Amino acid sequence: MEINQVIQALLALGQVNRLGVFRLIVEHGATGIRPLEISEALGIPGATLSFHLKELSAADLVSVRREGRNLIYRPRPETIEGVMGFLLQNCCGGKGCGDGGDAHSPQKRRSRARES
């Protein structure tokens, strides 16, 4: 992942309401969530929410698809994993972190998340 893409993603997540919107979208995963549901869950007015969704989309953190009359927002796992990979590249000096050197791989993170 290019550094400018990582910066854009981190800037998009660096605002409290937008981070909350992103986390709610992530919670809904591949099923996705409509803007009205986000607005109701987080108490964010429609115009403000529209701005936040546009910023998250521009950073490629979420995708949007029209389904009938509804817009459905879903997380983009490949972007999220790209940012994480960039941030953790050469972690521990490239020597591994004490458990086979792949402690920060996406599979390892998911495994640890299920255990907690």
Protein backbone atom coordinates (compact mmCIF):
# COMPACT_ATOMS: atom_id res chain seq x y z
CA MET A 1 0.00 0.00 0.00
CA GLU A 2 1.27 3.47 -0.89
CA ILE A 3 2.05 5.89 1.91
CA ASN A 4 -0.43 8.48 0.56
CA GLN A 5 -3.24 5.90 0.73
CA VAL A 6 -2.34 5.10 4.34
CA ILE A 7 -2.26 8.79 5.24
CA GLN A 8 -5.66 9.36 3.62
CA ALA A 9 -7.14 6.42 5.55
CA LEU A 10 -5.68 7.57 8.86
CA LEU A 11 -6.86 11.13 8.29
CA ALA A 12 -10.35 9.86 7.53
CA LEU A 13 -10.38 7.89 10.79
CA GLY A 14 -8.93 10.78 12.79
CA GLN A 15 -12.28 12.38 13.60
CA VAL A 16 -14.41 11.04 16.46
CA ASN A 17 -17.76 10.84 14.63
CA ARG A 18 -16.23 9.40 11.49
CA LEU A 19 -14.39 6.78 13.52
CA GLY A 20 -17.69 5.85 15.17
CA VAL A 21 -19.39 5.57 11.77
CA PHE A 22 -16.56 3.40 10.47
CA ARG A 23 -16.68 1.08 13.49
CA LEU A 24 -20.44 0.67 13.12
CA ILE A 25 -20.04 -0.20 9.43
CA VAL A 26 -17.34 -2.72 10.35
CA GLU A 27 -19.68 -4.30 12.93
CA HIS A 28 -22.19 -4.97 10.15
CA GLY A 29 -19.56 -6.51 7.89
CA ALA A 30 -20.56 -7.87 4.49
CA THR A 31 -24.25 -7.42 5.30
CA GLY A 32 -23.76 -3.68 5.31
CA ILE A 33 -25.81 -0.91 6.81
CA ARG A 34 -28.01 1.90 5.49
CA PRO A 35 -27.30 5.56 6.30
CA LEU A 36 -30.61 5.89 8.14
CA GLU A 37 -29.59 3.07 10.49
CA ILE A 38 -26.22 4.73 11.09
CA SER A 39 -27.88 8.08 11.76
CA GLU A 40 -30.33 6.55 14.24
CA ALA A 41 -27.67 4.47 16.01
CA LEU A 42 -25.18 7.32 16.42
CA GLY A 43 -27.46 10.36 16.50
CA ILE A 44 -25.69 12.03 13.59
CA PRO A 45 -27.84 14.30 11.37
CA GLY A 46 -28.21 13.23 7.73
CA ALA A 47 -26.18 16.04 6.15
CA THR A 48 -23.31 15.54 8.58
CA LEU A 49 -23.42 11.77 8.12
CA SER A 50 -23.34 12.19 4.35
CA PHE A 51 -20.10 14.18 4.68
CA HIS A 52 -18.52 11.50 6.91
CA LEU A 53 -19.55 8.68 4.58
CA LYS A 54 -18.10 10.57 1.62
CA GLU A 55 -14.76 10.94 3.45
CA LEU A 56 -14.67 7.23 4.37
CA SER A 57 -15.50 6.29 0.77
CA ALA A 58 -12.83 8.63 -0.63
CA ALA A 59 -10.28 6.95 1.65
CA ASP A 60 -11.44 3.58 0.26
CA LEU A 61 -12.30 2.36 3.77
CA VAL A 62 -15.92 1.63 2.86
CA SER A 63 -17.80 0.76 -0.28
CA VAL A 64 -21.31 1.81 -1.16
CA ARG A 65 -23.80 -0.01 -3.33
CA ARG A 66 -27.33 0.85 -4.32
CA GLU A 67 -29.80 -1.94 -3.54
CA GLY A 68 -33.22 -0.89 -4.72
CA ARG A 69 -33.92 2.46 -3.13
CA ASN A 70 -31.26 2.02 -0.45
CA LEU A 71 -27.57 2.75 -0.26
CA ILE A 72 -25.70 0.06 1.65
CA TYR A 73 -22.29 0.76 3.17
CA ARG A 74 -19.82 -2.05 3.77
CA PRO A 75 -16.23 -2.11 5.06
CA ARG A 76 -13.38 -2.71 2.61
CA PRO A 77 -11.26 -5.32 4.44
CA GLU A 78 -8.49 -5.18 1.83
CA THR A 79 -7.89 -1.50 2.58
CA ILE A 80 -8.05 -2.02 6.33
CA GLU A 81 -5.58 -4.92 6.13
CA GLY A 82 -3.35 -2.86 3.82
CA VAL A 83 -3.18 -0.05 6.39
CA MET A 84 -2.46 -2.52 9.18
CA GLY A 85 0.20 -4.24 7.09
CA PHE A 86 1.85 -0.91 6.35
CA LEU A 87 1.83 0.12 10.01
CA LEU A 88 3.25 -3.21 11.18
CA GLN A 89 5.77 -3.69 8.39
CA ASN A 90 9.14 -4.61 9.90
CA CYS A 91 7.61 -4.84 13.36
CA CYS A 92 10.11 -5.98 15.97
CA GLY A 93 12.98 -5.12 13.64
CA GLY A 94 11.84 -7.77 11.16
CA LYS A 95 12.88 -10.52 13.60
CA GLY A 96 9.39 -11.64 14.57
CA CYS A 97 7.60 -11.06 17.82
CA GLY A 98 8.38 -14.22 19.71
CA ASP A 99 5.77 -16.53 18.17
CA GLY A 100 7.05 -17.58 14.81
CA GLY A 101 7.42 -14.09 13.36
CA ASP A 102 3.87 -13.79 12.06
CA ALA A 103 2.21 -12.39 15.18
CA HIS A 104 0.79 -9.49 13.20
CA SER A 105 -0.50 -11.38 10.18
CA PRO A 106 -4.24 -10.88 9.47
CA GLN A 107 -4.91 -14.55 10.28
CA LYS A 108 -3.11 -14.29 13.62
CA ARG A 109 -4.99 -11.11 14.55
CA ARG A 110 -8.35 -12.75 13.74
CA SER A 111 -7.37 -15.82 15.76
CA ARG A 112 -6.43 -13.69 18.78
CA ALA A 113 -9.66 -11.68 18.45
CA ARG A 114 -11.75 -14.88 18.56
CA GLU A 115 -9.90 -16.04 21.69
CA SER A 116 -10.72 -12.85 23.62
